[in-house]
Amino acid sequence: MGRIIQYRLLQSENQVGLMRPIVYCDEKYCEDLQQVSLNEKLANLLIKIKPERRTLRIEQCFQDAIAHIPENSCIRDFDVLFNPAYKIDVLQILMLANRRKAFSVCKRQIKPRLTNRTI
């Protein structure tokens, strides 16, 4: 489905025409890219659809949300797609959308919460 490439070996000219999004696993590699948050755009599109029909329309809503972002942007904050009620393959949606418009993905780092409890 994909392969792991070390960031220092990634060259921007090799990304052209890839047809798959580059997923950056650390936010520090996305700092130089134009970043676009999608949560609010997706939520606004999905709220207009009846809950029982959202799974069927979520791919089109995602296409509509990225339609107006600049080419080769880095999308972030698309947690809406991971709602378990939707029963979708998020990677497949990302790959299909990338065929129409080139973008990369910045995976947000989840910082563990520290508690006073000991394990």
N, C-alpha and C. Protein backbone atom coordinates (compact mmCIF):
# COMPACT_ATOMS: atom_id res chain seq x y z
N MET A 1 0.83 -1.18 0.00
CA MET A 1 0.00 0.00 0.00
C MET A 1 0.87 1.24 0.00
N GLY A 2 1.97 1.21 0.69
CA GLY A 2 2.84 2.36 0.76
C GLY A 2 4.21 1.93 1.22
N ARG A 3 5.06 2.89 1.41
CA ARG A 3 6.40 2.57 1.91
C ARG A 3 6.88 3.71 2.79
N ILE A 4 7.81 3.38 3.66
CA ILE A 4 8.38 4.36 4.57
C ILE A 4 9.62 4.94 3.93
N ILE A 5 9.66 6.26 3.86
CA ILE A 5 10.80 6.97 3.30
C ILE A 5 11.35 7.89 4.38
N GLN A 6 12.62 7.83 4.62
CA GLN A 6 13.21 8.75 5.59
C GLN A 6 13.13 10.16 5.04
N TYR A 7 12.83 11.11 5.92
CA TYR A 7 12.61 12.48 5.49
C TYR A 7 13.82 13.06 4.76
N ARG A 8 15.00 12.72 5.22
CA ARG A 8 16.20 13.29 4.59
C ARG A 8 16.40 12.77 3.16
N LEU A 9 15.76 11.66 2.82
CA LEU A 9 15.86 11.10 1.47
C LEU A 9 14.71 11.53 0.56
N LEU A 10 13.73 12.21 1.13
CA LEU A 10 12.56 12.64 0.37
C LEU A 10 12.89 13.91 -0.40
N GLN A 11 12.66 13.86 -1.69
CA GLN A 11 12.93 15.03 -2.52
C GLN A 11 11.61 15.49 -3.13
N SER A 12 11.39 16.78 -3.12
CA SER A 12 10.10 17.32 -3.55
C SER A 12 9.82 17.01 -5.02
N GLU A 13 10.83 16.91 -5.86
CA GLU A 13 10.57 16.62 -7.28
C GLU A 13 10.08 15.18 -7.49
N ASN A 14 10.36 14.30 -6.53
CA ASN A 14 9.87 12.92 -6.64
C ASN A 14 8.41 12.80 -6.24
N GLN A 15 7.85 13.82 -5.61
CA GLN A 15 6.46 13.77 -5.15
C GLN A 15 5.47 14.10 -6.26
N VAL A 16 5.91 14.73 -7.33
CA VAL A 16 5.02 15.15 -8.39
C VAL A 16 4.48 13.91 -9.10
N GLY A 17 3.16 13.83 -9.24
CA GLY A 17 2.52 12.73 -9.94
C GLY A 17 2.51 11.42 -9.16
N LEU A 18 2.67 11.47 -7.86
CA LEU A 18 2.73 10.26 -7.05
C LEU A 18 1.38 9.57 -6.94
N MET A 19 0.29 10.31 -7.01
CA MET A 19 -1.08 9.78 -6.93
C MET A 19 -1.43 9.22 -5.56
N ARG A 20 -0.56 9.38 -4.58
CA ARG A 20 -0.83 8.99 -3.20
C ARG A 20 -0.33 10.12 -2.31
N PRO A 21 -1.05 10.39 -1.24
CA PRO A 21 -0.57 11.47 -0.37
C PRO A 21 0.65 11.04 0.44
N ILE A 22 1.53 11.97 0.68
CA ILE A 22 2.66 11.74 1.59
C ILE A 22 2.12 12.00 2.99
N VAL A 23 2.32 11.07 3.90
CA VAL A 23 1.86 11.22 5.27
C VAL A 23 3.07 11.51 6.14
N TYR A 24 3.13 12.72 6.67
CA TYR A 24 4.21 13.10 7.57
C TYR A 24 3.84 12.68 8.98
N CYS A 25 4.70 11.91 9.61
CA CYS A 25 4.40 11.37 10.94
C CYS A 25 4.86 12.28 12.07
N ASP A 26 5.44 13.39 11.73
CA ASP A 26 5.88 14.33 12.75
C ASP A 26 5.60 15.74 12.24
N GLU A 27 5.04 16.57 13.08
CA GLU A 27 4.65 17.92 12.67
C GLU A 27 5.83 18.79 12.27
N LYS A 28 7.01 18.48 12.76
CA LYS A 28 8.16 19.34 12.44
C LYS A 28 8.50 19.30 10.95
N TYR A 29 8.11 18.23 10.24
CA TYR A 29 8.37 18.14 8.82
C TYR A 29 7.34 18.91 7.99
N CYS A 30 6.25 19.31 8.60
CA CYS A 30 5.18 20.03 7.90
C CYS A 30 5.29 21.53 8.06
N GLU A 31 6.24 22.00 8.84
CA GLU A 31 6.31 23.42 9.16
C GLU A 31 6.48 24.31 7.94
N ASP A 32 7.19 23.84 6.92
CA ASP A 32 7.45 24.65 5.74
C ASP A 32 6.32 24.59 4.71
N LEU A 33 5.36 23.71 4.92
CA LEU A 33 4.27 23.54 3.97
C LEU A 33 3.08 24.40 4.35
N GLN A 34 2.26 24.72 3.37
CA GLN A 34 1.03 25.45 3.65
C GLN A 34 0.03 24.45 4.23
N GLN A 35 -0.36 24.66 5.49
CA GLN A 35 -1.22 23.72 6.20
C GLN A 35 -2.66 24.20 6.19
N VAL A 36 -3.57 23.25 6.00
CA VAL A 36 -4.99 23.55 5.94
C VAL A 36 -5.72 22.61 6.89
N SER A 37 -6.51 23.17 7.79
CA SER A 37 -7.31 22.38 8.71
C SER A 37 -8.66 22.06 8.06
N LEU A 38 -9.09 20.80 8.14
CA LEU A 38 -10.31 20.38 7.46
C LEU A 38 -11.49 20.09 8.38
N ASN A 39 -11.27 19.99 9.68
CA ASN A 39 -12.35 19.58 10.58
C ASN A 39 -13.59 20.45 10.44
N GLU A 40 -13.43 21.75 10.49
CA GLU A 40 -14.59 22.65 10.45
C GLU A 40 -15.29 22.59 9.10
N LYS A 41 -14.51 22.55 8.00
CA LYS A 41 -15.12 22.47 6.67
C LYS A 41 -15.92 21.19 6.51
N LEU A 42 -15.33 20.07 6.93
CA LEU A 42 -16.02 18.78 6.83
C LEU A 42 -17.27 18.74 7.71
N ALA A 43 -17.14 19.23 8.92
CA ALA A 43 -18.29 19.22 9.83
C ALA A 43 -19.43 20.06 9.29
N ASN A 44 -19.13 21.21 8.70
CA ASN A 44 -20.18 22.05 8.13
C ASN A 44 -20.89 21.38 6.96
N LEU A 45 -20.14 20.62 6.17
CA LEU A 45 -20.76 19.90 5.06
C LEU A 45 -21.58 18.70 5.55
N LEU A 46 -21.07 18.00 6.54
CA LEU A 46 -21.75 16.80 7.03
C LEU A 46 -22.99 17.10 7.85
N ILE A 47 -23.02 18.24 8.51
CA ILE A 47 -24.16 18.57 9.36
C ILE A 47 -25.43 18.78 8.53
N LYS A 48 -25.27 19.10 7.26
CA LYS A 48 -26.41 19.32 6.38
C LYS A 48 -27.03 18.01 5.89
N ILE A 49 -26.35 16.89 6.16
CA ILE A 49 -26.80 15.58 5.67
C ILE A 49 -27.39 14.79 6.83
N LYS A 50 -28.44 14.05 6.56
CA LYS A 50 -29.04 13.20 7.59
C LYS A 50 -28.01 12.19 8.08
N PRO A 51 -27.99 11.93 9.40
CA PRO A 51 -26.97 11.03 9.96
C PRO A 51 -26.90 9.65 9.29
N GLU A 52 -28.03 9.10 8.89
CA GLU A 52 -28.00 7.77 8.28
C GLU A 52 -27.44 7.78 6.85
N ARG A 53 -27.31 8.93 6.25
CA ARG A 53 -26.77 9.05 4.89
C ARG A 53 -25.32 9.55 4.85
N ARG A 54 -24.78 9.91 5.97
CA ARG A 54 -23.44 10.50 5.99
C ARG A 54 -22.36 9.55 5.52
N THR A 55 -22.47 8.27 5.87
CA THR A 55 -21.46 7.31 5.43
C THR A 55 -21.39 7.26 3.92
N LEU A 56 -22.52 7.34 3.27
CA LEU A 56 -22.56 7.28 1.81
C LEU A 56 -22.04 8.56 1.15
N ARG A 57 -22.14 9.66 1.83
CA ARG A 57 -21.78 10.95 1.23
C ARG A 57 -20.47 11.53 1.74
N ILE A 58 -19.81 10.84 2.66
CA ILE A 58 -18.63 11.44 3.28
C ILE A 58 -17.48 11.62 2.29
N GLU A 59 -17.34 10.70 1.34
CA GLU A 59 -16.27 10.85 0.35
C GLU A 59 -16.48 12.09 -0.50
N GLN A 60 -17.72 12.34 -0.92
CA GLN A 60 -18.01 13.54 -1.70
C GLN A 60 -17.82 14.80 -0.86
N CYS A 61 -18.18 14.74 0.40
CA CYS A 61 -17.96 15.89 1.29
C CYS A 61 -16.47 16.18 1.43
N PHE A 62 -15.65 15.14 1.53
CA PHE A 62 -14.21 15.34 1.63
C PHE A 62 -13.68 15.97 0.35
N GLN A 63 -14.15 15.48 -0.81
CA GLN A 63 -13.74 16.07 -2.09
C GLN A 63 -14.11 17.55 -2.15
N ASP A 64 -15.32 17.87 -1.68
CA ASP A 64 -15.76 19.27 -1.68
C ASP A 64 -14.92 20.12 -0.73
N ALA A 65 -14.52 19.54 0.40
CA ALA A 65 -13.73 20.30 1.39
C ALA A 65 -12.34 20.62 0.86
N ILE A 66 -11.76 19.73 0.08
CA ILE A 66 -10.40 20.00 -0.42
C ILE A 66 -10.40 20.67 -1.79
N ALA A 67 -11.57 20.88 -2.36
CA ALA A 67 -11.65 21.46 -3.70
C ALA A 67 -11.03 22.85 -3.78
N HIS A 68 -11.11 23.62 -2.71
CA HIS A 68 -10.65 25.00 -2.76
C HIS A 68 -9.35 25.25 -2.01
N ILE A 69 -8.68 24.18 -1.61
CA ILE A 69 -7.38 24.38 -0.95
C ILE A 69 -6.31 24.52 -2.03
N PRO A 70 -5.23 25.21 -1.74
CA PRO A 70 -4.16 25.36 -2.74
C PRO A 70 -3.52 24.01 -3.08
N GLU A 71 -3.04 23.90 -4.29
CA GLU A 71 -2.37 22.68 -4.75
C GLU A 71 -1.15 22.39 -3.87
N ASN A 72 -0.91 21.12 -3.60
CA ASN A 72 0.22 20.63 -2.80
C ASN A 72 0.22 21.18 -1.37
N SER A 73 -0.95 21.41 -0.82
CA SER A 73 -1.06 21.81 0.58
C SER A 73 -0.90 20.59 1.47
N CYS A 74 -0.76 20.86 2.74
CA CYS A 74 -0.68 19.79 3.73
C CYS A 74 -1.94 19.86 4.57
N ILE A 75 -2.78 18.82 4.49
CA ILE A 75 -4.01 18.85 5.27
C ILE A 75 -3.76 18.29 6.66
N ARG A 76 -4.48 18.81 7.59
CA ARG A 76 -4.38 18.37 8.98
C ARG A 76 -5.75 18.50 9.63
N ASP A 77 -5.89 18.00 10.81
CA ASP A 77 -7.13 18.10 11.58
C ASP A 77 -8.34 17.60 10.77
N PHE A 78 -8.33 16.33 10.46
CA PHE A 78 -9.46 15.73 9.77
C PHE A 78 -10.02 14.57 10.61
N ASP A 79 -10.07 14.80 11.91
CA ASP A 79 -10.53 13.79 12.86
C ASP A 79 -11.98 13.37 12.62
N VAL A 80 -12.75 14.20 11.96
CA VAL A 80 -14.15 13.89 11.68
C VAL A 80 -14.26 12.58 10.91
N LEU A 81 -13.28 12.30 10.06
CA LEU A 81 -13.31 11.08 9.25
C LEU A 81 -13.20 9.81 10.10
N PHE A 82 -12.65 9.93 11.28
CA PHE A 82 -12.41 8.75 12.12
C PHE A 82 -13.58 8.44 13.06
N ASN A 83 -14.70 9.07 12.84
CA ASN A 83 -15.89 8.76 13.63
C ASN A 83 -16.29 7.31 13.35
N PRO A 84 -16.36 6.45 14.38
CA PRO A 84 -16.66 5.04 14.14
C PRO A 84 -18.05 4.80 13.53
N ALA A 85 -18.93 5.75 13.63
CA ALA A 85 -20.27 5.59 13.05
C ALA A 85 -20.23 5.58 11.52
N TYR A 86 -19.18 6.12 10.93
CA TYR A 86 -19.12 6.23 9.47
C TYR A 86 -18.69 4.95 8.77
N LYS A 87 -17.94 4.08 9.42
CA LYS A 87 -17.52 2.80 8.84
C LYS A 87 -16.90 2.99 7.45
N ILE A 88 -15.85 3.78 7.40
CA ILE A 88 -15.18 4.06 6.13
C ILE A 88 -13.70 3.74 6.25
N ASP A 89 -13.05 3.59 5.11
CA ASP A 89 -11.61 3.40 5.05
C ASP A 89 -10.99 4.76 4.76
N VAL A 90 -10.44 5.38 5.78
CA VAL A 90 -9.92 6.75 5.65
C VAL A 90 -8.75 6.80 4.66
N LEU A 91 -7.86 5.81 4.70
CA LEU A 91 -6.74 5.82 3.76
C LEU A 91 -7.21 5.74 2.32
N GLN A 92 -8.22 4.96 2.06
CA GLN A 92 -8.75 4.86 0.70
C GLN A 92 -9.33 6.21 0.25
N ILE A 93 -10.04 6.88 1.13
CA ILE A 93 -10.59 8.19 0.79
C ILE A 93 -9.47 9.18 0.50
N LEU A 94 -8.42 9.15 1.31
CA LEU A 94 -7.27 10.04 1.08
C LEU A 94 -6.61 9.76 -0.26
N MET A 95 -6.43 8.48 -0.59
CA MET A 95 -5.78 8.13 -1.86
C MET A 95 -6.64 8.52 -3.06
N LEU A 96 -7.94 8.28 -2.99
CA LEU A 96 -8.81 8.65 -4.10
C LEU A 96 -8.87 10.16 -4.29
N ALA A 97 -8.91 10.88 -3.20
CA ALA A 97 -8.95 12.34 -3.28
C ALA A 97 -7.65 12.91 -3.83
N ASN A 98 -6.54 12.25 -3.50
CA ASN A 98 -5.23 12.72 -3.96
C ASN A 98 -5.07 12.58 -5.47
N ARG A 99 -5.82 11.70 -6.08
CA ARG A 99 -5.76 11.55 -7.54
C ARG A 99 -6.33 12.77 -8.24
N ARG A 100 -7.28 13.43 -7.59
CA ARG A 100 -7.89 14.63 -8.18
C ARG A 100 -7.14 15.90 -7.82
N LYS A 101 -6.61 15.95 -6.61
CA LYS A 101 -5.90 17.14 -6.16
C LYS A 101 -4.74 16.71 -5.28
N ALA A 102 -3.54 17.14 -5.62
CA ALA A 102 -2.35 16.74 -4.87
C ALA A 102 -2.32 17.43 -3.51
N PHE A 103 -2.08 16.65 -2.47
CA PHE A 103 -1.91 17.17 -1.12
C PHE A 103 -1.09 16.17 -0.32
N SER A 104 -0.58 16.62 0.79
CA SER A 104 0.08 15.72 1.74
C SER A 104 -0.70 15.78 3.05
N VAL A 105 -0.35 14.90 3.97
CA VAL A 105 -1.10 14.78 5.21
C VAL A 105 -0.14 14.93 6.38
N CYS A 106 -0.52 15.72 7.34
CA CYS A 106 0.26 15.87 8.57
C CYS A 106 -0.48 15.16 9.69
N LYS A 107 0.09 14.09 10.17
CA LYS A 107 -0.52 13.35 11.27
C LYS A 107 -0.17 14.05 12.57
N ARG A 108 -1.18 14.41 13.29
CA ARG A 108 -0.98 15.14 14.54
C ARG A 108 -0.41 14.19 15.60
N GLN A 109 0.57 14.66 16.32
CA GLN A 109 1.14 13.89 17.41
C GLN A 109 0.18 13.89 18.58
N ILE A 110 -0.08 12.75 19.13
CA ILE A 110 -0.93 12.65 20.31
C ILE A 110 -0.03 12.62 21.53
N LYS A 111 -0.18 13.64 22.33
CA LYS A 111 0.66 13.74 23.52
C LYS A 111 -0.03 13.04 24.67
N PRO A 112 0.67 12.14 25.34
CA PRO A 112 0.04 11.43 26.45
C PRO A 112 -0.26 12.36 27.61
N ARG A 113 -1.36 12.08 28.27
CA ARG A 113 -1.72 12.87 29.44
C ARG A 113 -1.02 12.28 30.65
N LEU A 114 -0.47 13.14 31.42
CA LEU A 114 0.19 12.69 32.65
C LEU A 114 -0.79 12.79 33.80
N THR A 115 -0.82 11.77 34.59
CA THR A 115 -1.71 11.77 35.76
C THR A 115 -0.88 11.54 37.01
N ASN A 116 -1.49 11.75 38.13
CA ASN A 116 -0.80 11.53 39.41
C ASN A 116 -0.79 10.05 39.80
N ARG A 117 -1.55 9.26 39.07
CA ARG A 117 -1.59 7.83 39.40
C ARG A 117 -0.33 7.13 38.88
N THR A 118 0.08 6.13 39.60
CA THR A 118 1.21 5.32 39.15
C THR A 118 0.69 4.00 38.63
N ILE A 119 1.40 3.45 37.73
CA ILE A 119 0.98 2.17 37.14
C ILE A 119 1.74 1.04 37.81
